[in-house]
């Protein structure tokens, strides 16, 4: 059973080396300027005096009593001593990339892979260190995958969150992060004020927040990637709540829709990783032990990049979700063209594409594979002109056809059970790259022949799907 966080002196601590000398702990504000978010039930961003608390009784009514993991001593990641420089400009990460040499007994194949990886990282560095990053070249390079050491900056550039001009980078980040933090403060200050002075008609649950949105977010966040320890920590869950709630109230046409909580996790992981020496933050990583400034930046950057992503697929989340319906129809027609036998078998068994592929569109296949697989897939999506909308359909088609031999031997119930729990647990980057390559082939063959995919008499959709 997981224990509640405690204030014992032997709990997990971040370790950092103060450039001026001493080591900074994770409690208080040491000489290294190390601040922590602690384990409080935080829902809003703090003013100088600390974070706001929402009405804790209301939270208990919605969630039950939350139980969060306690990070154990020795599990900690090492905070980069240069984190303040990275906060100011992510390009500082490029100067901190170290290449561990391959093992002495490495095979010739392993040595070749090592050399190829170093060469690839250096290609990215050369582009990212230019005064004006050439986006076309960056996209071409990113299509085949982005090394994790340079992924955060590359993603932010490809999403047009980070300016390509290096001289504008620092001021833009400061402005966007402040805008997000101000938005959080305003949203939850209103909530705190309403909770303190509820109108007579309320039942005690009113906080000045949109109750329908907040209620669904508060249910979905604890369910987000439950198999990954990072998402069990309270600080992570509070960050996701803030990101999702502020996004929802800024987009009233859609509000919050289940599934958007999954879409923020790749950004959160990738952006969190650049501040610690171990880029794998899925385990042994309690964001509540980070300096407040770091968690603020990770949260704000994740919010804006999520916003950029969703702006391109907004129709998927507005009323009746018309974008998803168009994508499902396009997937059905594309599958008919690629593998008519499979399409006919699904039809004969009474399997509707909407029954299994709605989730593929709504969550961008995140429920079908690991977050690490998704991150690799997004490298390519971000490099594509319409990666999360048009190219995603070809990926879904390649994904479905991959299981054709098994599906052809199944009846309705077996098909539905199989598609709800596909055997992708042990997939690696190579599996994802094969899937993307097949999707690229289908796109190359059919993208300019969309008229052949539409039933007779059906008009071409405006978005080209």
Protein backbone atom coordinates (compact mmCIF):
# COMPACT_ATOMS: atom_id res chain seq x y z
CA UNK A 1 0.00 0.00 0.00
CA UNK A 2 1.30 3.45 -0.85
CA UNK A 3 1.90 5.74 2.08
CA UNK A 4 1.07 9.39 2.46
CA UNK A 5 3.94 11.84 2.11
CA UNK A 6 5.57 12.62 5.42
CA UNK A 7 8.04 15.17 6.67
CA UNK A 8 10.59 12.60 7.75
CA UNK A 9 14.15 13.70 7.26
CA UNK A 10 15.01 10.58 5.24
CA UNK A 11 12.50 11.07 2.42
CA UNK A 12 13.65 11.50 -1.13
CA UNK A 13 15.57 14.69 -1.74
CA UNK A 14 16.75 16.34 -4.89
CA UNK A 15 20.47 16.83 -4.97
CA UNK A 16 22.05 19.85 -6.56
CA UNK A 17 25.48 21.34 -6.54
CA UNK A 18 25.53 25.04 -5.85
CA UNK A 19 27.91 26.69 -8.28
CA UNK A 20 29.16 28.70 -5.31
CA UNK A 21 30.05 25.65 -3.30
CA UNK A 22 27.66 23.86 -0.95
CA UNK A 23 25.03 21.29 -1.75
CA UNK A 24 21.43 22.43 -1.75
CA UNK A 25 18.79 20.27 -0.09
CA UNK A 26 15.15 19.95 -1.00
CA UNK A 27 13.67 21.67 2.01
CA UNK A 28 13.42 25.39 2.38
CA UNK A 29 15.45 27.84 0.33
CA UNK A 30 19.10 27.09 0.68
CA UNK A 31 22.09 29.03 -0.50
CA UNK A 32 21.59 27.60 -3.95
CA UNK A 33 18.14 29.19 -4.22
CA UNK A 34 16.47 25.78 -4.02
CA UNK A 35 12.75 26.14 -3.36
CA UNK A 36 10.23 23.34 -3.14
CA UNK A 37 6.52 23.02 -3.70
CA UNK A 38 6.20 20.62 -0.77
CA UNK A 39 3.29 18.23 -0.42
CA UNK A 40 0.44 20.66 0.15
CA UNK A 41 -2.81 20.18 -1.72
CA UNK A 42 -2.11 22.96 -4.16
CA UNK A 43 -4.55 24.00 -6.85
CA UNK A 44 -3.49 27.53 -7.69
CA UNK A 45 -0.23 29.30 -8.21
CA UNK A 46 1.10 31.08 -5.25
CA UNK A 47 1.61 34.72 -4.76
CA UNK A 48 4.67 35.65 -2.75
CA UNK A 49 3.09 34.11 0.34
CA UNK A 50 2.58 30.66 -1.22
CA UNK A 51 0.06 28.68 -3.22
CA UNK A 52 -3.67 28.88 -2.89
CA UNK A 53 -5.67 26.00 -1.55
CA UNK A 54 -9.04 25.19 -2.97
CA UNK A 55 -11.78 24.13 -0.59
CA UNK A 56 -10.32 20.85 0.65
CA UNK A 57 -13.71 19.51 1.70
CA UNK A 58 -14.97 19.94 -1.86
CA UNK A 59 -11.99 18.05 -3.22
CA UNK A 60 -12.59 15.23 -0.77
CA UNK A 61 -16.21 14.98 -1.90
CA UNK A 62 -15.12 14.55 -5.51
CA UNK A 63 -12.03 12.39 -5.15
CA UNK A 64 -12.28 10.58 -1.89
CA UNK A 65 -9.16 10.64 0.23
CA UNK A 66 -6.15 10.89 -2.10
CA UNK A 67 -3.13 8.75 -1.38
CA UNK A 68 0.14 9.81 -2.97
CA UNK A 69 3.43 7.92 -3.15
CA UNK A 70 6.35 8.92 -0.98
CA UNK A 71 9.61 9.13 -2.88
CA UNK A 72 12.26 7.10 -1.10
CA UNK A 73 15.78 8.16 -0.36
CA UNK A 74 18.13 7.26 -3.18
CA UNK A 75 15.48 7.52 -5.89
CA UNK A 76 16.22 11.13 -6.66
CA UNK A 77 17.26 12.65 -9.93
CA UNK A 78 20.12 15.12 -9.99
CA UNK A 79 19.01 18.68 -10.63
CA UNK A 80 21.29 20.39 -13.12
CA UNK A 81 23.37 23.12 -11.44
CA UNK A 82 22.74 25.23 -14.55
CA UNK A 83 18.95 25.03 -14.25
CA UNK A 84 18.59 28.81 -13.95
CA UNK A 85 20.36 29.34 -17.26
CA UNK A 86 18.16 26.66 -18.88
CA UNK A 87 15.06 28.39 -17.50
CA UNK A 88 16.14 31.61 -19.16
CA UNK A 89 17.02 30.02 -22.50
CA UNK A 90 16.61 26.30 -23.31
CA UNK A 91 19.51 26.55 -25.76
CA UNK A 92 21.85 26.30 -22.75
CA UNK A 93 21.02 22.58 -22.67
CA UNK A 94 22.94 22.16 -25.91
CA UNK A 95 26.18 23.00 -24.11
CA UNK A 96 25.57 20.35 -21.45
CA UNK A 97 25.23 17.31 -23.71
CA UNK A 98 27.75 14.66 -22.73
CA UNK A 99 28.40 11.53 -24.75
CA UNK A 100 29.22 8.51 -22.62
CA UNK A 101 31.63 6.29 -24.55
CA UNK A 102 30.39 2.86 -25.64
CA UNK A 103 31.47 -0.18 -23.58
CA UNK A 104 34.97 -1.47 -24.29
CA UNK A 105 33.56 -4.81 -25.35
CA UNK A 106 30.95 -3.25 -27.66
CA UNK A 107 30.36 -4.98 -30.97
CA UNK A 108 31.06 -3.28 -34.27
CA UNK A 109 27.30 -2.83 -34.74
CA UNK A 110 27.00 -1.12 -31.35
CA UNK A 111 29.93 1.15 -32.17
CA UNK A 112 28.33 2.08 -35.47
CA UNK A 113 25.03 2.87 -33.71
CA UNK A 114 26.90 4.99 -31.17
CA UNK A 115 28.71 6.95 -33.89
CA UNK A 116 25.49 7.42 -35.83
CA UNK A 117 23.70 8.75 -32.75
CA UNK A 118 26.48 11.22 -31.94
CA UNK A 119 26.48 12.43 -35.52
CA UNK A 120 22.71 12.91 -35.42
CA UNK A 121 22.82 14.88 -32.17
CA UNK A 122 25.49 17.13 -33.64
CA UNK A 123 23.32 17.81 -36.70
CA UNK A 124 20.52 18.99 -34.42
CA UNK A 125 22.93 21.09 -32.37
CA UNK A 126 24.23 22.88 -35.46
CA UNK A 127 20.69 23.83 -36.46
CA UNK A 128 19.52 24.79 -32.98
CA UNK A 129 22.56 26.98 -32.30
CA UNK A 130 22.07 29.18 -35.35
CA UNK A 131 20.85 32.75 -34.80
CA UNK A 132 17.72 31.94 -36.80
CA UNK A 133 16.76 28.27 -36.80
CA UNK A 134 15.81 27.01 -40.30
CA UNK A 135 12.49 25.29 -39.62
CA UNK A 136 12.33 23.39 -42.91
CA UNK A 137 15.68 21.75 -42.24
CA UNK A 138 14.69 21.07 -38.63
CA UNK A 139 11.47 19.38 -39.75
CA UNK A 140 13.30 17.22 -42.26
CA UNK A 141 15.76 16.14 -39.58
CA UNK A 142 13.11 15.58 -36.91
CA UNK A 143 10.92 13.32 -39.08
CA UNK A 144 13.17 10.34 -38.38
CA UNK A 145 13.22 10.99 -34.65
CA UNK A 146 14.65 13.58 -32.28
CA UNK A 147 17.39 12.63 -29.78
CA UNK A 148 16.08 13.07 -26.26
CA UNK A 149 18.87 15.51 -25.40
CA UNK A 150 17.51 18.09 -27.87
CA UNK A 151 13.85 17.09 -27.98
CA UNK A 152 12.38 19.78 -25.69
CA UNK A 153 13.81 22.70 -27.65
CA UNK A 154 13.06 21.05 -31.00
CA UNK A 155 9.41 20.45 -30.11
CA UNK A 156 8.95 24.01 -28.88
CA UNK A 157 10.37 25.35 -32.13
CA UNK A 158 8.31 23.04 -34.35
CA UNK A 159 5.15 24.10 -32.51
CA UNK A 160 6.09 27.78 -33.00
CA UNK A 161 6.05 28.31 -29.26
CA UNK A 162 9.75 29.15 -29.20
CA UNK A 163 10.80 31.84 -31.72
CA UNK A 164 13.29 30.78 -34.37
CA UNK A 165 15.18 34.04 -33.77
CA UNK A 166 17.49 33.51 -30.80
CA UNK A 167 17.36 37.20 -29.82
CA UNK A 168 13.60 37.00 -29.16
CA UNK A 169 13.71 33.72 -27.26
CA UNK A 170 14.30 34.97 -23.71
CA UNK A 171 11.69 37.74 -23.80
CA UNK A 172 9.09 35.48 -25.42
CA UNK A 173 9.49 32.77 -22.78
CA UNK A 174 9.26 35.31 -19.97
CA UNK A 175 6.10 36.82 -21.44
CA UNK A 176 4.33 33.53 -22.19
CA UNK A 177 5.16 32.00 -18.82
CA UNK A 178 3.95 35.10 -17.02
CA UNK A 179 0.75 35.10 -19.05
CA UNK A 180 0.04 31.51 -18.07
CA UNK A 181 0.81 32.06 -14.37
CA UNK A 182 -1.39 35.16 -14.35
CA UNK A 183 -4.19 33.13 -15.92
CA UNK A 184 -3.87 30.44 -13.26
CA UNK A 185 -3.81 33.00 -10.49
CA UNK A 186 -6.89 34.76 -11.79
CA UNK A 187 -8.84 31.52 -12.24
CA UNK A 188 -8.11 30.18 -8.79
CA UNK A 189 -8.23 33.52 -6.99
CA UNK A 190 -11.81 33.83 -8.16
CA UNK A 191 -12.36 30.32 -6.90
CA UNK A 192 -10.80 31.11 -3.52
CA UNK A 193 -12.88 34.28 -3.17
CA UNK A 194 -16.10 32.45 -4.04
CA UNK A 195 -15.31 29.68 -1.58
CA UNK A 196 -14.71 32.21 1.16
CA UNK A 197 -18.00 34.06 0.47
CA UNK A 198 -20.41 31.57 -1.10
CA UNK A 199 -23.82 32.92 -2.15
CA UNK A 200 -26.83 31.62 -0.15
CA UNK A 201 -27.93 29.34 -2.99
CA UNK A 202 -24.77 27.24 -3.02
CA UNK A 203 -24.42 23.90 -1.28
CA UNK A 204 -20.89 24.50 -0.08
CA UNK A 205 -19.32 23.06 -3.23
CA UNK A 206 -19.17 26.37 -5.10
CA UNK A 207 -15.65 27.69 -5.58
CA UNK A 208 -16.20 30.13 -8.38
CA UNK A 209 -14.83 27.48 -10.74
CA UNK A 210 -16.83 25.94 -13.55
CA UNK A 211 -18.15 22.96 -11.61
CA UNK A 212 -18.81 20.70 -14.60
CA UNK A 213 -15.33 21.23 -16.03
CA UNK A 214 -13.57 21.02 -12.68
CA UNK A 215 -15.45 17.90 -11.64
CA UNK A 216 -14.45 15.99 -14.78
CA UNK A 217 -10.83 17.12 -14.58
CA UNK A 218 -10.62 16.12 -10.93
CA UNK A 219 -11.84 12.64 -11.89
CA UNK A 220 -9.58 12.19 -14.92
CA UNK A 221 -6.26 13.47 -13.58
CA UNK A 222 -5.75 10.69 -11.00
CA UNK A 223 -6.48 8.18 -13.80
CA UNK A 224 -3.80 9.65 -16.08
CA UNK A 225 -1.01 7.14 -16.84
CA UNK A 226 -1.54 5.33 -13.50
CA UNK A 227 1.21 2.82 -14.33
CA UNK A 228 3.86 5.57 -14.41
CA UNK A 229 5.06 6.65 -10.94
CA UNK A 230 5.56 10.28 -12.04
CA UNK A 231 1.80 10.76 -12.38
CA UNK A 232 1.07 9.44 -8.91
CA UNK A 233 2.77 12.38 -7.20
CA UNK A 234 0.58 15.15 -5.91
CA UNK A 235 2.65 17.91 -7.49
CA UNK A 236 2.21 16.31 -10.92
CA UNK A 237 -1.53 15.98 -10.49
CA UNK A 238 -1.90 19.58 -9.32
CA UNK A 239 0.07 20.75 -12.38
CA UNK A 240 -2.12 18.73 -14.76
CA UNK A 241 -5.26 20.11 -13.11
CA UNK A 242 -4.12 23.68 -13.57
CA UNK A 243 -3.07 23.16 -17.19
CA UNK A 244 -6.34 21.46 -18.13
CA UNK A 245 -8.62 23.84 -16.26
CA UNK A 246 -7.03 27.00 -17.64
CA UNK A 247 -7.10 25.54 -21.16
CA UNK A 248 -10.78 24.62 -20.78
CA UNK A 249 -11.96 28.02 -19.57
CA UNK A 250 -9.99 29.70 -22.37
CA UNK A 251 -11.69 27.48 -24.97
CA UNK A 252 -15.41 27.61 -24.14
CA UNK A 253 -16.40 26.20 -27.54
CA UNK A 254 -15.08 22.83 -26.44
CA UNK A 255 -14.31 23.07 -22.75
CA UNK A 256 -12.59 20.07 -21.25
CA UNK A 257 -13.08 16.74 -23.04
CA UNK A 258 -11.93 13.41 -21.66
CA UNK A 259 -8.74 12.38 -23.39
CA UNK A 260 -7.11 15.80 -23.37
CA UNK A 261 -5.53 14.84 -20.04
CA UNK A 262 -3.51 12.19 -21.89
CA UNK A 263 -2.28 14.66 -24.48
CA UNK A 264 -0.47 16.86 -21.97
CA UNK A 265 1.71 14.04 -20.58
CA UNK A 266 4.30 13.84 -23.42
CA UNK A 267 4.96 17.56 -23.09
CA UNK A 268 5.18 17.40 -19.31
CA UNK A 269 7.71 14.56 -19.41
CA UNK A 270 9.87 15.98 -22.17
CA UNK A 271 10.04 19.48 -20.68
CA UNK A 272 10.64 18.21 -17.15
CA UNK A 273 13.57 16.09 -18.29
CA UNK A 274 15.80 18.97 -19.38
CA UNK A 275 16.23 20.22 -15.82
CA UNK A 276 17.66 16.99 -14.44
CA UNK A 277 20.67 14.95 -15.50
CA UNK A 278 18.60 11.78 -16.06
CA UNK A 279 16.16 12.42 -18.88
CA UNK A 280 13.98 9.46 -17.86
CA UNK A 281 11.61 11.11 -15.40
CA UNK A 282 8.95 8.40 -15.31
CA UNK A 283 10.35 6.91 -12.10
CA UNK A 284 11.97 8.40 -8.99
CA UNK A 285 10.91 11.91 -9.95
CA UNK A 286 8.70 13.92 -7.59
CA UNK A 287 8.19 17.35 -9.19
CA UNK A 288 7.16 18.67 -5.78
CA UNK A 289 10.83 18.64 -4.81
CA UNK A 290 11.83 20.90 -7.69
CA UNK A 291 12.52 24.60 -7.35
CA UNK A 292 9.23 26.47 -7.79
CA UNK A 293 10.58 28.35 -10.80
CA UNK A 294 11.30 25.08 -12.61
CA UNK A 295 7.87 23.58 -12.00
CA UNK A 296 6.26 26.87 -13.07
CA UNK A 297 8.20 26.83 -16.34
CA UNK A 298 7.49 23.16 -17.10
CA UNK A 299 3.81 23.74 -16.45
CA UNK A 300 3.58 26.91 -18.54
CA UNK A 301 5.54 25.43 -21.46
CA UNK A 302 3.34 22.31 -21.38
CA UNK A 303 0.20 24.46 -21.38
CA UNK A 304 1.22 26.53 -24.39
CA UNK A 305 2.43 23.55 -26.42
CA UNK A 306 -0.77 21.64 -25.64
CA UNK A 307 -2.67 24.71 -26.81
CA UNK A 308 -0.69 24.80 -30.06
CA UNK A 309 -1.38 21.11 -30.68
CA UNK A 310 -5.10 21.36 -29.96
CA UNK A 311 -5.48 24.47 -32.11
CA UNK A 312 -4.80 22.22 -35.11
CA UNK A 313 -7.43 19.63 -34.16
CA UNK A 314 -9.99 21.85 -32.42
CA UNK A 315 -12.87 20.23 -34.33
CA UNK A 316 -12.14 17.00 -32.49
CA UNK A 317 -13.32 18.51 -29.21
CA UNK A 318 -16.12 20.97 -29.99
CA UNK A 319 -19.78 19.99 -29.66
CA UNK A 320 -20.52 16.62 -31.35
CA UNK A 321 -16.80 16.27 -32.16
CA UNK A 322 -17.22 16.56 -35.95
CA UNK A 323 -13.48 16.33 -36.57
CA UNK A 324 -13.33 12.85 -35.09
CA UNK A 325 -16.31 11.70 -37.12
CA UNK A 326 -14.60 12.89 -40.32
CA UNK A 327 -11.38 11.13 -39.36
CA UNK A 328 -13.16 7.85 -38.59
CA UNK A 329 -14.92 7.94 -41.97
CA UNK A 330 -11.61 8.66 -43.65
CA UNK A 331 -10.00 5.74 -41.82
CA UNK A 332 -12.78 3.41 -42.93
CA UNK A 333 -12.43 4.48 -46.57
CA UNK A 334 -8.64 4.27 -46.45
CA UNK A 335 -8.73 0.79 -44.91
CA UNK A 336 -11.11 -0.33 -47.65
CA UNK A 337 -8.57 0.81 -50.23
CA UNK A 338 -5.52 -0.69 -48.47
CA UNK A 339 -6.98 -3.99 -47.24
CA UNK A 340 -10.42 -4.62 -48.71
CA UNK A 341 -10.53 -8.13 -47.23
CA UNK A 342 -10.14 -6.80 -43.69
CA UNK A 343 -12.66 -4.02 -44.26
CA UNK A 344 -15.20 -6.56 -45.59
CA UNK A 345 -14.58 -8.91 -42.67
CA UNK A 346 -15.18 -6.13 -40.14
CA UNK A 347 -18.39 -5.22 -41.96
CA UNK A 348 -19.60 -8.83 -42.04
CA UNK A 349 -18.97 -9.19 -38.31
CA UNK A 350 -20.91 -6.01 -37.59
CA UNK A 351 -17.87 -4.07 -36.38
CA UNK A 352 -18.28 -0.33 -36.86
CA UNK A 353 -15.10 1.72 -37.15
CA UNK A 354 -16.52 4.21 -34.67
CA UNK A 355 -16.63 1.48 -32.03
CA UNK A 356 -12.87 1.10 -31.83
CA UNK A 357 -11.24 4.03 -33.63
CA UNK A 358 -13.04 6.88 -31.87
CA UNK A 359 -10.51 6.49 -29.06
CA UNK A 360 -7.65 6.36 -31.57
CA UNK A 361 -8.62 9.81 -32.80
CA UNK A 362 -9.68 11.31 -29.49
CA UNK A 363 -6.48 10.28 -27.68
CA UNK A 364 -4.14 10.12 -30.70
CA UNK A 365 -3.42 6.41 -30.04
CA UNK A 366 -2.05 7.20 -26.58
CA UNK A 367 -4.27 4.55 -24.98
CA UNK A 368 -2.86 1.95 -27.36
CA UNK A 369 0.86 2.41 -26.63
CA UNK A 370 3.29 3.72 -24.05
CA UNK A 371 4.07 7.38 -23.46
CA UNK A 372 7.62 6.74 -24.67
CA UNK A 373 6.25 5.28 -27.92
CA UNK A 374 3.96 8.29 -28.23
CA UNK A 375 6.85 10.70 -27.74
CA UNK A 376 8.75 9.10 -30.60
CA UNK A 377 5.64 9.21 -32.78
CA UNK A 378 5.13 12.90 -32.01
CA UNK A 379 8.65 13.68 -33.27
CA UNK A 380 7.33 12.76 -36.71
CA UNK A 381 3.87 14.28 -36.24
CA UNK A 382 5.46 17.63 -35.39
CA UNK A 383 7.66 17.39 -38.48
CA UNK A 384 4.61 16.75 -40.70
CA UNK A 385 2.57 19.67 -41.99
CA UNK A 386 -0.66 18.24 -40.54
CA UNK A 387 0.74 15.49 -38.39
CA UNK A 388 -1.95 15.33 -35.72
CA UNK A 389 -4.85 15.47 -38.17
CA UNK A 390 -4.16 14.16 -41.68
CA UNK A 391 -1.03 12.05 -41.16
CA UNK A 392 -2.54 10.53 -38.02
CA UNK A 393 -5.23 8.88 -40.15
CA UNK A 394 -2.59 7.10 -42.23
CA UNK A 395 -0.85 5.99 -39.03
CA UNK A 396 -4.15 4.59 -37.73
CA UNK A 397 -4.68 2.76 -41.03
CA UNK A 398 -1.19 1.23 -40.88
CA UNK A 399 -1.85 0.36 -37.22
CA UNK A 400 -5.12 -1.43 -38.01
CA UNK A 401 -3.82 -3.27 -41.05
CA UNK A 402 -0.83 -4.48 -39.02
CA UNK A 403 -3.19 -6.82 -37.15
CA UNK A 404 -5.07 -7.96 -40.26
CA UNK A 405 -4.02 -11.63 -40.11
CA UNK A 406 -5.21 -11.99 -36.50
CA UNK A 407 -8.41 -10.01 -37.01
CA UNK A 408 -9.46 -12.05 -40.04
CA UNK A 409 -9.72 -15.13 -37.82
CA UNK A 410 -11.89 -13.46 -35.15
CA UNK A 411 -15.58 -12.93 -34.65
CA UNK A 412 -17.20 -9.71 -33.38
CA UNK A 413 -16.54 -10.22 -29.69
CA UNK A 414 -12.96 -11.39 -30.22
CA UNK A 415 -12.25 -8.44 -32.52
CA UNK A 416 -13.54 -5.91 -30.03
CA UNK A 417 -11.63 -7.44 -27.13
CA UNK A 418 -8.43 -7.61 -29.19
CA UNK A 419 -8.68 -4.00 -30.37
CA UNK A 420 -9.30 -2.79 -26.82
CA UNK A 421 -6.06 -4.37 -25.58
CA UNK A 422 -3.58 -4.55 -28.44
CA UNK A 423 -0.24 -6.26 -27.74
CA UNK A 424 2.01 -3.21 -27.90
CA UNK A 425 3.42 -3.34 -24.37
CA UNK A 426 6.91 -4.28 -25.52
CA UNK A 427 7.04 -2.00 -28.54
CA UNK A 428 10.26 -0.06 -29.06
CA UNK A 429 11.18 2.92 -31.20
CA UNK A 430 11.86 0.52 -34.07
CA UNK A 431 8.24 -0.67 -34.00
CA UNK A 432 7.02 2.93 -34.06
CA UNK A 433 9.38 3.82 -36.90
CA UNK A 434 8.13 0.88 -38.97
CA UNK A 435 4.55 2.02 -38.37
CA UNK A 436 5.40 5.59 -39.38
CA UNK A 437 7.20 4.39 -42.50
CA UNK A 438 4.17 2.38 -43.59
CA UNK A 439 1.91 5.36 -42.90
CA UNK A 440 4.18 7.53 -45.03
CA UNK A 441 3.88 5.07 -47.91
CA UNK A 442 0.07 5.11 -47.71
CA UNK A 443 0.06 8.90 -47.53
CA UNK A 444 2.35 9.13 -50.56
CA UNK A 445 0.04 6.80 -52.53
CA UNK A 446 -3.34 8.20 -51.51
CA UNK A 447 -2.95 11.78 -50.34
CA UNK A 448 -3.39 13.16 -53.84
CA UNK A 449 -6.07 10.60 -54.70
CA UNK A 450 -8.59 11.39 -52.02
CA UNK A 451 -11.43 11.46 -54.53
CA UNK A 452 -10.99 7.70 -54.94
CA UNK A 453 -11.50 7.20 -51.23
CA UNK A 454 -14.83 9.01 -51.02
CA UNK A 455 -18.12 7.26 -51.65
CA UNK A 456 -19.79 8.33 -54.86
CA UNK A 457 -21.48 11.68 -54.50
CA UNK A 458 -19.79 12.67 -51.23
CA UNK A 459 -18.17 16.10 -51.26
CA UNK A 460 -14.52 16.59 -50.35
CA UNK A 461 -14.12 17.80 -46.76
CA UNK A 462 -12.78 21.31 -46.33
CA UNK A 463 -9.79 20.16 -44.31
CA UNK A 464 -8.69 17.72 -47.01
CA UNK A 465 -9.26 14.59 -44.93
